[in-house]
């Protein structure tokens, strides 16, 4: 691939697509910089500013991540196994991959809310 910057534009577009796709999922906040993203699962109010330090991390976020992680894994989607880790988009990802992730996250979040997990 030529170093003309198109790959970075593509990754930025994929990241923006990810943000839009995840926007309406209850209890989910996404923070993103380019192709790096972090998912925060919390029933607390969405933070008005980005979370930058562990002390600003919602108390229930780690507890909510485990069931979500396993639900996604059962559906063939692998995220980093810790609520404190970021995810990365790559040039191999497509909008269809992101849409599949958003749908799976929506189902998992709805299921977790229904079962009280």
PDB file of N, CA and C in Angstrom:
ATOM      1  N   UNK A   1       0.845  -1.172   0.000  1.00  0.00           N
ATOM      2  CA  UNK A   1       0.000   0.000   0.000  1.00  0.00           C
ATOM      3  C   UNK A   1       0.890   1.235   0.000  1.00  0.00           C
ATOM      4  N   UNK A   2       0.525   2.193  -0.802  1.00  0.00           N
ATOM      5  CA  UNK A   2       1.290   3.440  -0.893  1.00  0.00           C
ATOM      6  C   UNK A   2       1.070   4.292   0.345  1.00  0.00           C
ATOM      7  N   UNK A   3       2.086   5.042   0.697  1.00  0.00           N
ATOM      8  CA  UNK A   3       2.013   5.899   1.879  1.00  0.00           C
ATOM      9  C   UNK A   3       1.457   7.271   1.494  1.00  0.00           C
ATOM     10  N   UNK A   4       0.236   7.306   1.024  1.00  0.00           N
ATOM     11  CA  UNK A   4      -0.378   8.573   0.621  1.00  0.00           C
ATOM     12  C   UNK A   4      -1.447   9.033   1.607  1.00  0.00           C
ATOM     13  N   UNK A   5      -1.583   8.339   2.727  1.00  0.00           N
ATOM     14  CA  UNK A   5      -2.526   8.745   3.751  1.00  0.00           C
ATOM     15  C   UNK A   5      -3.913   8.169   3.618  1.00  0.00           C
ATOM     16  N   UNK A   6      -4.204   7.495   2.503  1.00  0.00           N
ATOM     17  CA  UNK A   6      -5.562   6.957   2.322  1.00  0.00           C
ATOM     18  C   UNK A   6      -5.929   5.924   3.378  1.00  0.00           C
ATOM     19  N   UNK A   7      -4.978   5.158   3.841  1.00  0.00           N
ATOM     20  CA  UNK A   7      -5.286   4.135   4.840  1.00  0.00           C
ATOM     21  C   UNK A   7      -5.760   4.784   6.137  1.00  0.00           C
ATOM     22  N   UNK A   8      -5.167   5.917   6.497  1.00  0.00           N
ATOM     23  CA  UNK A   8      -5.580   6.603   7.718  1.00  0.00           C
ATOM     24  C   UNK A   8      -6.967   7.219   7.560  1.00  0.00           C
ATOM     25  N   UNK A   9      -7.256   7.710   6.376  1.00  0.00           N
ATOM     26  CA  UNK A   9      -8.600   8.221   6.099  1.00  0.00           C
ATOM     27  C   UNK A   9      -9.616   7.090   6.185  1.00  0.00           C
ATOM     28  N   UNK A  10      -9.255   5.932   5.666  1.00  0.00           N
ATOM     29  CA  UNK A  10     -10.139   4.770   5.711  1.00  0.00           C
ATOM     30  C   UNK A  10     -10.378   4.333   7.161  1.00  0.00           C
ATOM     31  N   UNK A  11      -9.317   4.272   7.960  1.00  0.00           N
ATOM     32  CA  UNK A  11      -9.467   3.877   9.360  1.00  0.00           C
ATOM     33  C   UNK A  11     -10.297   4.892  10.143  1.00  0.00           C
ATOM     34  N   UNK A  12     -10.125   6.168   9.860  1.00  0.00           N
ATOM     35  CA  UNK A  12     -10.940   7.198  10.506  1.00  0.00           C
ATOM     36  C   UNK A  12     -12.410   7.022  10.122  1.00  0.00           C
ATOM     37  N   UNK A  13     -12.673   6.740   8.865  1.00  0.00           N
ATOM     38  CA  UNK A  13     -14.055   6.524   8.413  1.00  0.00           C
ATOM     39  C   UNK A  13     -14.662   5.296   9.091  1.00  0.00           C
ATOM     40  N   UNK A  14     -13.885   4.220   9.228  1.00  0.00           N
ATOM     41  CA  UNK A  14     -14.379   3.029   9.922  1.00  0.00           C
ATOM     42  C   UNK A  14     -14.655   3.332  11.392  1.00  0.00           C
ATOM     43  N   UNK A  15     -13.776   4.088  12.030  1.00  0.00           N
ATOM     44  CA  UNK A  15     -13.982   4.455  13.423  1.00  0.00           C
ATOM     45  C   UNK A  15     -15.235   5.300  13.603  1.00  0.00           C
ATOM     46  N   UNK A  16     -15.455   6.243  12.706  1.00  0.00           N
ATOM     47  CA  UNK A  16     -16.661   7.074  12.772  1.00  0.00           C
ATOM     48  C   UNK A  16     -17.906   6.213  12.558  1.00  0.00           C
ATOM     49  N   UNK A  17     -17.811   5.253  11.662  1.00  0.00           N
ATOM     50  CA  UNK A  17     -18.928   4.325  11.432  1.00  0.00           C
ATOM     51  C   UNK A  17     -19.209   3.519  12.697  1.00  0.00           C
ATOM     52  N   UNK A  18     -18.168   3.077  13.375  1.00  0.00           N
ATOM     53  CA  UNK A  18     -18.324   2.348  14.632  1.00  0.00           C
ATOM     54  C   UNK A  18     -19.059   3.204  15.659  1.00  0.00           C
ATOM     55  N   UNK A  19     -18.646   4.438  15.813  1.00  0.00           N
ATOM     56  CA  UNK A  19     -19.308   5.335  16.778  1.00  0.00           C
ATOM     57  C   UNK A  19     -20.792   5.483  16.459  1.00  0.00           C
ATOM     58  N   UNK A  20     -21.115   5.723  15.201  1.00  0.00           N
ATOM     59  CA  UNK A  20     -22.529   5.879  14.812  1.00  0.00           C
ATOM     60  C   UNK A  20     -23.306   4.597  15.042  1.00  0.00           C
ATOM     61  N   UNK A  21     -22.705   3.462  14.723  1.00  0.00           N
ATOM     62  CA  UNK A  21     -23.398   2.170  14.842  1.00  0.00           C
ATOM     63  C   UNK A  21     -23.698   1.817  16.293  1.00  0.00           C
ATOM     64  N   UNK A  22     -22.852   2.247  17.220  1.00  0.00           N
ATOM     65  CA  UNK A  22     -23.017   1.892  18.628  1.00  0.00           C
ATOM     66  C   UNK A  22     -23.778   2.947  19.430  1.00  0.00           C
ATOM     67  N   UNK A  23     -24.075   4.061  18.811  1.00  0.00           N
ATOM     68  CA  UNK A  23     -24.638   5.223  19.487  1.00  0.00           C
ATOM     69  C   UNK A  23     -25.892   4.946  20.316  1.00  0.00           C
ATOM     70  N   UNK A  24     -26.817   4.156  19.835  1.00  0.00           N
ATOM     71  CA  UNK A  24     -28.087   3.991  20.530  1.00  0.00           C
ATOM     72  C   UNK A  24     -28.187   2.792  21.458  1.00  0.00           C
ATOM     73  N   UNK A  25     -27.102   2.096  21.695  1.00  0.00           N
ATOM     74  CA  UNK A  25     -27.159   0.903  22.540  1.00  0.00           C
ATOM     75  C   UNK A  25     -27.180   1.335  24.007  1.00  0.00           C
ATOM     76  N   UNK A  26     -28.260   0.981  24.728  1.00  0.00           N
ATOM     77  CA  UNK A  26     -28.366   1.398  26.131  1.00  0.00           C
ATOM     78  C   UNK A  26     -27.214   0.866  26.985  1.00  0.00           C
ATOM     79  N   UNK A  27     -26.683   1.733  27.831  1.00  0.00           N
ATOM     80  CA  UNK A  27     -25.624   1.336  28.753  1.00  0.00           C
ATOM     81  C   UNK A  27     -24.245   1.251  28.135  1.00  0.00           C
ATOM     82  N   UNK A  28     -24.108   1.614  26.861  1.00  0.00           N
ATOM     83  CA  UNK A  28     -22.820   1.491  26.180  1.00  0.00           C
ATOM     84  C   UNK A  28     -22.325   2.867  25.758  1.00  0.00           C
ATOM     85  N   UNK A  29     -21.080   3.149  26.098  1.00  0.00           N
ATOM     86  CA  UNK A  29     -20.416   4.362  25.646  1.00  0.00           C
ATOM     87  C   UNK A  29     -19.158   3.931  24.913  1.00  0.00           C
ATOM     88  N   UNK A  30     -18.900   4.555  23.783  1.00  0.00           N
ATOM     89  CA  UNK A  30     -17.666   4.270  23.057  1.00  0.00           C
ATOM     90  C   UNK A  30     -16.819   5.534  23.051  1.00  0.00           C
ATOM     91  N   UNK A  31     -15.555   5.370  23.331  1.00  0.00           N
ATOM     92  CA  UNK A  31     -14.576   6.438  23.199  1.00  0.00           C
ATOM     93  C   UNK A  31     -13.614   6.000  22.112  1.00  0.00           C
ATOM     94  N   UNK A  32     -13.248   6.959  21.245  1.00  0.00           N
ATOM     95  CA  UNK A  32     -12.465   6.572  20.080  1.00  0.00           C
ATOM     96  C   UNK A  32     -11.484   7.660  19.700  1.00  0.00           C
ATOM     97  N   UNK A  33     -10.341   7.214  19.217  1.00  0.00           N
ATOM     98  CA  UNK A  33      -9.346   8.085  18.592  1.00  0.00           C
ATOM     99  C   UNK A  33      -8.882   7.346  17.345  1.00  0.00           C
ATOM    100  N   UNK A  34      -9.310   7.793  16.192  1.00  0.00           N
ATOM    101  CA  UNK A  34      -8.968   7.114  14.948  1.00  0.00           C
ATOM    102  C   UNK A  34      -9.508   5.702  14.948  1.00  0.00           C
ATOM    103  N   UNK A  35      -8.631   4.734  14.818  1.00  0.00           N
ATOM    104  CA  UNK A  35      -9.054   3.328  14.741  1.00  0.00           C
ATOM    105  C   UNK A  35      -8.974   2.611  16.090  1.00  0.00           C
ATOM    106  N   UNK A  36      -8.643   3.342  17.145  1.00  0.00           N
ATOM    107  CA  UNK A  36      -8.584   2.761  18.491  1.00  0.00           C
ATOM    108  C   UNK A  36      -9.887   3.106  19.203  1.00  0.00           C
ATOM    109  N   UNK A  37     -10.516   2.097  19.815  1.00  0.00           N
ATOM    110  CA  UNK A  37     -11.771   2.368  20.513  1.00  0.00           C
ATOM    111  C   UNK A  37     -11.793   1.652  21.852  1.00  0.00           C
ATOM    112  N   UNK A  38     -12.607   2.179  22.748  1.00  0.00           N
ATOM    113  CA  UNK A  38     -12.800   1.583  24.062  1.00  0.00           C
ATOM    114  C   UNK A  38     -14.287   1.589  24.358  1.00  0.00           C
ATOM    115  N   UNK A  39     -14.795   0.452  24.794  1.00  0.00           N
ATOM    116  CA  UNK A  39     -16.206   0.314  25.128  1.00  0.00           C
ATOM    117  C   UNK A  39     -16.375   0.354  26.637  1.00  0.00           C
ATOM    118  N   UNK A  40     -17.285   1.190  27.098  1.00  0.00           N
ATOM    119  CA  UNK A  40     -17.603   1.275  28.518  1.00  0.00           C
ATOM    120  C   UNK A  40     -19.045   0.821  28.698  1.00  0.00           C
ATOM    121  N   UNK A  41     -19.236  -0.247  29.454  1.00  0.00           N
ATOM    122  CA  UNK A  41     -20.554  -0.803  29.728  1.00  0.00           C
ATOM    123  C   UNK A  41     -20.932  -0.369  31.137  1.00  0.00           C
ATOM    124  N   UNK A  42     -21.955   0.479  31.247  1.00  0.00           N
ATOM    125  CA  UNK A  42     -22.333   0.983  32.567  1.00  0.00           C
ATOM    126  C   UNK A  42     -23.776   1.443  32.551  1.00  0.00           C
ATOM    127  N   UNK A  43     -24.459   1.185  33.638  1.00  0.00           N
ATOM    128  CA  UNK A  43     -25.823   1.682  33.800  1.00  0.00           C
ATOM    129  C   UNK A  43     -25.819   3.100  34.363  1.00  0.00           C
ATOM    130  N   UNK A  44     -24.655   3.572  34.782  1.00  0.00           N
ATOM    131  CA  UNK A  44     -24.556   4.942  35.274  1.00  0.00           C
ATOM    132  C   UNK A  44     -24.678   5.902  34.104  1.00  0.00           C
ATOM    133  N   UNK A  45     -24.909   7.146  34.405  1.00  0.00           N
ATOM    134  CA  UNK A  45     -25.052   8.153  33.359  1.00  0.00           C
ATOM    135  C   UNK A  45     -23.791   8.209  32.503  1.00  0.00           C
ATOM    136  N   UNK A  46     -23.990   8.366  31.206  1.00  0.00           N
ATOM    137  CA  UNK A  46     -22.840   8.469  30.316  1.00  0.00           C
ATOM    138  C   UNK A  46     -21.984   9.664  30.713  1.00  0.00           C
ATOM    139  N   UNK A  47     -20.680   9.480  30.717  1.00  0.00           N
ATOM    140  CA  UNK A  47     -19.816  10.602  31.095  1.00  0.00           C
ATOM    141  C   UNK A  47     -19.904  11.734  30.077  1.00  0.00           C
ATOM    142  N   UNK A  48     -19.875  12.973  30.556  1.00  0.00           N
ATOM    143  CA  UNK A  48     -19.945  14.123  29.654  1.00  0.00           C
ATOM    144  C   UNK A  48     -18.585  14.421  29.032  1.00  0.00           C
ATOM    145  N   UNK A  49     -17.521  13.931  29.668  1.00  0.00           N
ATOM    146  CA  UNK A  49     -16.181  14.101  29.124  1.00  0.00           C
ATOM    147  C   UNK A  49     -15.537  12.719  29.021  1.00  0.00           C
ATOM    148  N   UNK A  50     -14.567  12.564  28.148  1.00  0.00           N
ATOM    149  CA  UNK A  50     -13.905  11.263  28.026  1.00  0.00           C
ATOM    150  C   UNK A  50     -13.277  10.812  29.342  1.00  0.00           C
ATOM    151  N   UNK A  51     -13.328   9.513  29.568  1.00  0.00           N
ATOM    152  CA  UNK A  51     -12.695   8.924  30.750  1.00  0.00           C
ATOM    153  C   UNK A  51     -11.200   8.825  30.460  1.00  0.00           C
ATOM    154  N   UNK A  52     -10.403   9.466  31.296  1.00  0.00           N
ATOM    155  CA  UNK A  52      -8.956   9.512  31.061  1.00  0.00           C
ATOM    156  C   UNK A  52      -8.149   8.792  32.131  1.00  0.00           C
ATOM    157  N   UNK A  53      -8.752   8.567  33.302  1.00  0.00           N
ATOM    158  CA  UNK A  53      -8.021   7.926  34.394  1.00  0.00           C
ATOM    159  C   UNK A  53      -8.909   6.876  35.046  1.00  0.00           C
ATOM    160  N   UNK A  54      -8.315   5.889  35.708  1.00  0.00           N
ATOM    161  CA  UNK A  54      -9.106   4.845  36.368  1.00  0.00           C
ATOM    162  C   UNK A  54     -10.102   5.367  37.402  1.00  0.00           C
ATOM    163  N   UNK A  55      -9.797   6.462  38.042  1.00  0.00           N
ATOM    164  CA  UNK A  55     -10.723   6.967  39.063  1.00  0.00           C
ATOM    165  C   UNK A  55     -12.035   7.478  38.456  1.00  0.00           C
ATOM    166  N   UNK A  56     -12.039   7.773  37.171  1.00  0.00           N
ATOM    167  CA  UNK A  56     -13.260   8.215  36.500  1.00  0.00           C
ATOM    168  C   UNK A  56     -14.026   7.055  35.863  1.00  0.00           C
ATOM    169  N   UNK A  57     -13.482   5.869  35.977  1.00  0.00           N
ATOM    170  CA  UNK A  57     -14.093   4.670  35.417  1.00  0.00           C
ATOM    171  C   UNK A  57     -15.354   4.342  36.228  1.00  0.00           C
ATOM    172  N   UNK A  58     -16.518   4.155  35.600  1.00  0.00           N
ATOM    173  CA  UNK A  58     -17.732   3.830  36.357  1.00  0.00           C
ATOM    174  C   UNK A  58     -17.555   2.540  37.166  1.00  0.00           C
ATOM    175  N   UNK A  59     -18.043   2.551  38.396  1.00  0.00           N
ATOM    176  CA  UNK A  59     -17.851   1.426  39.309  1.00  0.00           C
ATOM    177  C   UNK A  59     -18.427   0.121  38.767  1.00  0.00           C
ATOM    178  N   UNK A  60     -19.502   0.187  38.003  1.00  0.00           N
ATOM    179  CA  UNK A  60     -20.146  -1.037  37.515  1.00  0.00           C
ATOM    180  C   UNK A  60     -19.643  -1.483  36.142  1.00  0.00           C
ATOM    181  N   UNK A  61     -18.714  -0.769  35.549  1.00  0.00           N
ATOM    182  CA  UNK A  61     -18.289  -1.064  34.180  1.00  0.00           C
ATOM    183  C   UNK A  61     -17.596  -2.421  34.034  1.00  0.00           C
ATOM    184  N   UNK A  62     -16.702  -2.760  34.938  1.00  0.00           N
ATOM    185  CA  UNK A  62     -16.000  -4.042  34.822  1.00  0.00           C
ATOM    186  C   UNK A  62     -16.963  -5.210  35.010  1.00  0.00           C
ATOM    187  N   UNK A  63     -17.893  -5.068  35.945  1.00  0.00           N
ATOM    188  CA  UNK A  63     -18.876  -6.132  36.198  1.00  0.00           C
ATOM    189  C   UNK A  63     -19.745  -6.384  34.955  1.00  0.00           C
ATOM    190  N   UNK A  64     -20.120  -5.329  34.262  1.00  0.00           N
ATOM    191  CA  UNK A  64     -20.972  -5.474  33.086  1.00  0.00           C
ATOM    192  C   UNK A  64     -20.257  -5.989  31.856  1.00  0.00           C
ATOM    193  N   UNK A  65     -18.934  -5.899  31.855  1.00  0.00           N
ATOM    194  CA  UNK A  65     -18.180  -6.288  30.663  1.00  0.00           C
ATOM    195  C   UNK A  65     -18.109  -7.804  30.478  1.00  0.00           C
ATOM    196  N   UNK A  66     -17.944  -8.544  31.560  1.00  0.00           N
ATOM    197  CA  UNK A  66     -17.748  -9.999  31.456  1.00  0.00           C
ATOM    198  C   UNK A  66     -18.891 -10.699  30.730  1.00  0.00           C
ATOM    199  N   UNK A  67     -20.161 -10.471  31.091  1.00  0.00           N
ATOM    200  CA  UNK A  67     -21.232 -11.149  30.362  1.00  0.00           C
ATOM    201  C   UNK A  67     -21.297 -10.726  28.894  1.00  0.00           C
ATOM    202  N   UNK A  68     -20.995  -9.471  28.647  1.00  0.00           N
ATOM    203  CA  UNK A  68     -20.998  -8.981  27.269  1.00  0.00           C
ATOM    204  C   UNK A  68     -19.882  -9.651  26.464  1.00  0.00           C
ATOM    205  N   UNK A  69     -18.705  -9.725  27.045  1.00  0.00           N
ATOM    206  CA  UNK A  69     -17.567 -10.374  26.391  1.00  0.00           C
ATOM    207  C   UNK A  69     -17.913 -11.816  26.015  1.00  0.00           C
ATOM    208  N   UNK A  70     -18.492 -12.565  26.953  1.00  0.00           N
ATOM    209  CA  UNK A  70     -18.807 -13.971  26.691  1.00  0.00           C
ATOM    210  C   UNK A  70     -19.929 -14.129  25.674  1.00  0.00           C
ATOM    211  N   UNK A  71     -20.906 -13.250  25.709  1.00  0.00           N
ATOM    212  CA  UNK A  71     -21.987 -13.310  24.711  1.00  0.00           C
ATOM    213  C   UNK A  71     -21.429 -13.058  23.310  1.00  0.00           C
ATOM    214  N   UNK A  72     -20.532 -12.103  23.183  1.00  0.00           N
ATOM    215  CA  UNK A  72     -19.919 -11.829  21.881  1.00  0.00           C
ATOM    216  C   UNK A  72     -19.039 -12.994  21.446  1.00  0.00           C
ATOM    217  N   UNK A  73     -18.267 -13.535  22.375  1.00  0.00           N
ATOM    218  CA  UNK A  73     -17.390 -14.657  22.055  1.00  0.00           C
ATOM    219  C   UNK A  73     -18.210 -15.852  21.560  1.00  0.00           C
ATOM    220  N   UNK A  74     -19.339 -16.114  22.231  1.00  0.00           N
ATOM    221  CA  UNK A  74     -20.218 -17.210  21.789  1.00  0.00           C
ATOM    222  C   UNK A  74     -20.747 -16.969  20.377  1.00  0.00           C
ATOM    223  N   UNK A  75     -20.833 -15.686  19.990  1.00  0.00           N
ATOM    224  CA  UNK A  75     -21.299 -15.345  18.649  1.00  0.00           C
ATOM    225  C   UNK A  75     -20.180 -15.184  17.635  1.00  0.00           C
ATOM    226  N   UNK A  76     -18.958 -15.537  18.021  1.00  0.00           N
ATOM    227  CA  UNK A  76     -17.841 -15.487  17.078  1.00  0.00           C
ATOM    228  C   UNK A  76     -17.115 -14.157  16.997  1.00  0.00           C
ATOM    229  N   UNK A  77     -17.389 -13.256  17.936  1.00  0.00           N
ATOM    230  CA  UNK A  77     -16.711 -11.959  17.949  1.00  0.00           C
ATOM    231  C   UNK A  77     -15.811 -11.908  19.171  1.00  0.00           C
ATOM    232  N   UNK A  78     -14.537 -11.652  18.931  1.00  0.00           N
ATOM    233  CA  UNK A  78     -13.566 -11.628  20.024  1.00  0.00           C
ATOM    234  C   UNK A  78     -13.135 -10.198  20.304  1.00  0.00           C
ATOM    235  N   UNK A  79     -13.354  -9.752  21.534  1.00  0.00           N
ATOM    236  CA  UNK A  79     -12.811  -8.497  22.038  1.00  0.00           C
ATOM    237  C   UNK A  79     -11.735  -8.845  23.057  1.00  0.00           C
ATOM    238  N   UNK A  80     -10.935  -7.862  23.405  1.00  0.00           N
ATOM    239  CA  UNK A  80      -9.982  -8.075  24.489  1.00  0.00           C
ATOM    240  C   UNK A  80     -10.778  -8.468  25.733  1.00  0.00           C
ATOM    241  N   UNK A  81     -10.273  -9.391  26.557  1.00  0.00           N
ATOM    242  CA  UNK A  81     -11.059  -9.941  27.656  1.00  0.00           C
ATOM    243  C   UNK A  81     -11.191  -9.058  28.903  1.00  0.00           C
ATOM    244  N   UNK A  82     -10.668  -7.856  28.878  1.00  0.00           N
ATOM    245  CA  UNK A  82     -10.749  -6.977  30.047  1.00  0.00           C
ATOM    246  C   UNK A  82     -11.502  -5.698  29.697  1.00  0.00           C
ATOM    247  N   UNK A  83     -12.295  -5.223  30.625  1.00  0.00           N
ATOM    248  CA  UNK A  83     -13.031  -3.977  30.445  1.00  0.00           C
ATOM    249  C   UNK A  83     -12.095  -2.777  30.343  1.00  0.00           C
ATOM    250  N   UNK A  84     -10.845  -2.961  30.709  1.00  0.00           N
ATOM    251  CA  UNK A  84      -9.887  -1.864  30.728  1.00  0.00           C
ATOM    252  C   UNK A  84      -9.031  -1.800  29.459  1.00  0.00           C
ATOM    253  N   UNK A  85      -9.278  -2.690  28.508  1.00  0.00           N
ATOM    254  CA  UNK A  85      -8.472  -2.735  27.293  1.00  0.00           C
ATOM    255  C   UNK A  85      -9.199  -2.083  26.128  1.00  0.00           C
ATOM    256  N   UNK A  86      -8.434  -1.574  25.197  1.00  0.00           N
ATOM    257  CA  UNK A  86      -9.003  -0.962  23.998  1.00  0.00           C
ATOM    258  C   UNK A  86      -9.076  -1.991  22.873  1.00  0.00           C
ATOM    259  N   UNK A  87      -9.840  -1.642  21.863  1.00  0.00           N
ATOM    260  CA  UNK A  87      -9.921  -2.450  20.649  1.00  0.00           C
ATOM    261  C   UNK A  87      -9.312  -1.676  19.489  1.00  0.00           C
ATOM    262  N   UNK A  88      -9.008  -2.390  18.431  1.00  0.00           N
ATOM    263  CA  UNK A  88      -8.374  -1.767  17.278  1.00  0.00           C
ATOM    264  C   UNK A  88      -9.083  -2.187  16.004  1.00  0.00           C
ATOM    265  N   UNK A  89      -9.378  -1.225  15.163  1.00  0.00           N
ATOM    266  CA  UNK A  89      -9.872  -1.524  13.826  1.00  0.00           C
ATOM    267  C   UNK A  89      -8.659  -1.632  12.913  1.00  0.00           C
ATOM    268  N   UNK A  90      -8.807  -2.410  11.852  1.00  0.00           N
ATOM    269  CA  UNK A  90      -7.707  -2.552  10.906  1.00  0.00           C
ATOM    270  C   UNK A  90      -8.229  -2.352   9.492  1.00  0.00           C
ATOM    271  N   UNK A  91      -7.306  -2.286   8.557  1.00  0.00           N
ATOM    272  CA  UNK A  91      -7.675  -2.124   7.152  1.00  0.00           C
ATOM    273  C   UNK A  91      -8.453  -3.333   6.642  1.00  0.00           C
ATOM    274  N   UNK A  92      -8.366  -4.452   7.334  1.00  0.00           N
ATOM    275  CA  UNK A  92      -9.104  -5.652   6.926  1.00  0.00           C
ATOM    276  C   UNK A  92     -10.578  -5.577   7.304  1.00  0.00           C
ATOM    277  N   UNK A  93     -10.948  -4.685   8.247  1.00  0.00           N
ATOM    278  CA  UNK A  93     -12.338  -4.562   8.656  1.00  0.00           C
ATOM    279  C   UNK A  93     -13.151  -3.805   7.613  1.00  0.00           C
ATOM    280  N   UNK A  94     -14.429  -4.126   7.577  1.00  0.00           N
ATOM    281  CA  UNK A  94     -15.361  -3.453   6.679  1.00  0.00           C
ATOM    282  C   UNK A  94     -16.523  -2.889   7.489  1.00  0.00           C
ATOM    283  N   UNK A  95     -17.343  -2.093   6.844  1.00  0.00           N
ATOM    284  CA  UNK A  95     -18.546  -1.592   7.494  1.00  0.00           C
ATOM    285  C   UNK A  95     -19.447  -2.756   7.907  1.00  0.00           C
ATOM    286  N   UNK A  96     -19.465  -3.818   7.125  1.00  0.00           N
ATOM    287  CA  UNK A  96     -20.278  -4.995   7.461  1.00  0.00           C
ATOM    288  C   UNK A  96     -19.795  -5.638   8.768  1.00  0.00           C
ATOM    289  N   UNK A  97     -18.484  -5.693   8.986  1.00  0.00           N
ATOM    290  CA  UNK A  97     -17.954  -6.214  10.251  1.00  0.00           C
ATOM    291  C   UNK A  97     -18.424  -5.351  11.416  1.00  0.00           C
ATOM    292  N   UNK A  98     -18.356  -4.048  11.234  1.00  0.00           N
ATOM    293  CA  UNK A  98     -18.759  -3.126  12.294  1.00  0.00           C
ATOM    294  C   UNK A  98     -20.253  -3.244  12.568  1.00  0.00           C
ATOM    295  N   UNK A  99     -21.048  -3.355  11.512  1.00  0.00           N
ATOM    296  CA  UNK A  99     -22.496  -3.515  11.690  1.00  0.00           C
ATOM    297  C   UNK A  99     -22.816  -4.812  12.429  1.00  0.00           C
ATOM    298  N   UNK A 100     -22.081  -5.876  12.124  1.00  0.00           N
ATOM    299  CA  UNK A 100     -22.284  -7.159  12.815  1.00  0.00           C
ATOM    300  C   UNK A 100     -21.921  -7.019  14.294  1.00  0.00           C
ATOM    301  N   UNK A 101     -20.848  -6.303  14.598  1.00  0.00           N
ATOM    302  CA  UNK A 101     -20.470  -6.056  15.986  1.00  0.00           C
ATOM    303  C   UNK A 101     -21.557  -5.261  16.699  1.00  0.00           C
ATOM    304  N   UNK A 102     -22.053  -4.215  16.063  1.00  0.00           N
ATOM    305  CA  UNK A 102     -23.090  -3.383  16.674  1.00  0.00           C
ATOM    306  C   UNK A 102     -24.352  -4.195  16.949  1.00  0.00           C
ATOM    307  N   UNK A 103     -24.746  -5.034  16.011  1.00  0.00           N
ATOM    308  CA  UNK A 103     -25.940  -5.864  16.209  1.00  0.00           C
ATOM    309  C   UNK A 103     -25.721  -6.845  17.356  1.00  0.00           C
ATOM    310  N   UNK A 104     -24.551  -7.462  17.403  1.00  0.00           N
ATOM    311  CA  UNK A 104     -24.252  -8.416  18.473  1.00  0.00           C
ATOM    312  C   UNK A 104     -24.190  -7.714  19.831  1.00  0.00           C
ATOM    313  N   UNK A 105     -23.588  -6.531  19.878  1.00  0.00           N
ATOM    314  CA  UNK A 105     -23.541  -5.774  21.123  1.00  0.00           C
ATOM    315  C   UNK A 105     -24.942  -5.380  21.575  1.00  0.00           C
ATOM    316  N   UNK A 106     -25.785  -4.984  20.636  1.00  0.00           N
ATOM    317  CA  UNK A 106     -27.157  -4.631  20.970  1.00  0.00           C
ATOM    318  C   UNK A 106     -27.926  -5.803  21.549  1.00  0.00           C
ATOM    319  N   UNK A 107     -27.774  -6.974  20.920  1.00  0.00           N
ATOM    320  CA  UNK A 107     -28.440  -8.183  21.433  1.00  0.00           C
ATOM    321  C   UNK A 107     -27.907  -8.552  22.812  1.00  0.00           C
ATOM    322  N   UNK A 108     -26.605  -8.515  22.970  1.00  0.00           N
ATOM    323  CA  UNK A 108     -25.993  -8.888  24.253  1.00  0.00           C
ATOM    324  C   UNK A 108     -26.400  -7.911  25.350  1.00  0.00           C
ATOM    325  N   UNK A 109     -26.430  -6.625  25.044  1.00  0.00           N
ATOM    326  CA  UNK A 109     -26.824  -5.629  26.043  1.00  0.00           C
ATOM    327  C   UNK A 109     -28.282  -5.808  26.432  1.00  0.00           C
ATOM    328  N   UNK A 110     -29.137  -6.085  25.459  1.00  0.00           N
ATOM    329  CA  UNK A 110     -30.554  -6.312  25.745  1.00  0.00           C
ATOM    330  C   UNK A 110     -30.733  -7.568  26.598  1.00  0.00           C
ATOM    331  N   UNK A 111     -30.014  -8.616  26.272  1.00  0.00           N
ATOM    332  CA  UNK A 111     -30.084  -9.858  27.027  1.00  0.00           C
ATOM    333  C   UNK A 111     -29.588  -9.650  28.456  1.00  0.00           C
ATOM    334  N   UNK A 112     -28.491  -8.933  28.612  1.00  0.00           N
ATOM    335  CA  UNK A 112     -27.922  -8.686  29.942  1.00  0.00           C
ATOM    336  C   UNK A 112     -28.898  -7.865  30.793  1.00  0.00           C
ATOM    337  N   UNK A 113     -29.545  -6.901  30.196  1.00  0.00           N
ATOM    338  CA  UNK A 113     -30.520  -6.090  30.941  1.00  0.00           C
ATOM    339  C   UNK A 113     -31.724  -6.930  31.343  1.00  0.00           C
ATOM    340  N   UNK A 114     -32.158  -7.824  30.468  1.00  0.00           N
ATOM    341  CA  UNK A 114     -33.333  -8.662  30.743  1.00  0.00           C
ATOM    342  C   UNK A 114     -33.053  -9.653  31.862  1.00  0.00           C
ATOM    343  N   UNK A 115     -31.816 -10.147  31.940  1.00  0.00           N
ATOM    344  CA  UNK A 115     -31.481 -11.147  32.951  1.00  0.00           C
ATOM    345  C   UNK A 115     -30.892 -10.524  34.216  1.00  0.00           C
ATOM    346  N   UNK A 116     -30.709  -9.205  34.192  1.00  0.00           N
ATOM    347  CA  UNK A 116     -30.157  -8.538  35.364  1.00  0.00           C
ATOM    348  C   UNK A 116     -28.667  -8.673  35.538  1.00  0.00           C
ATOM    349  N   UNK A 117     -27.965  -9.108  34.503  1.00  0.00           N
ATOM    350  CA  UNK A 117     -26.494  -9.232  34.587  1.00  0.00           C
ATOM    351  C   UNK A 117     -25.831  -7.946  34.216  1.00  0.00           C
TER     352      UNK A 117
END
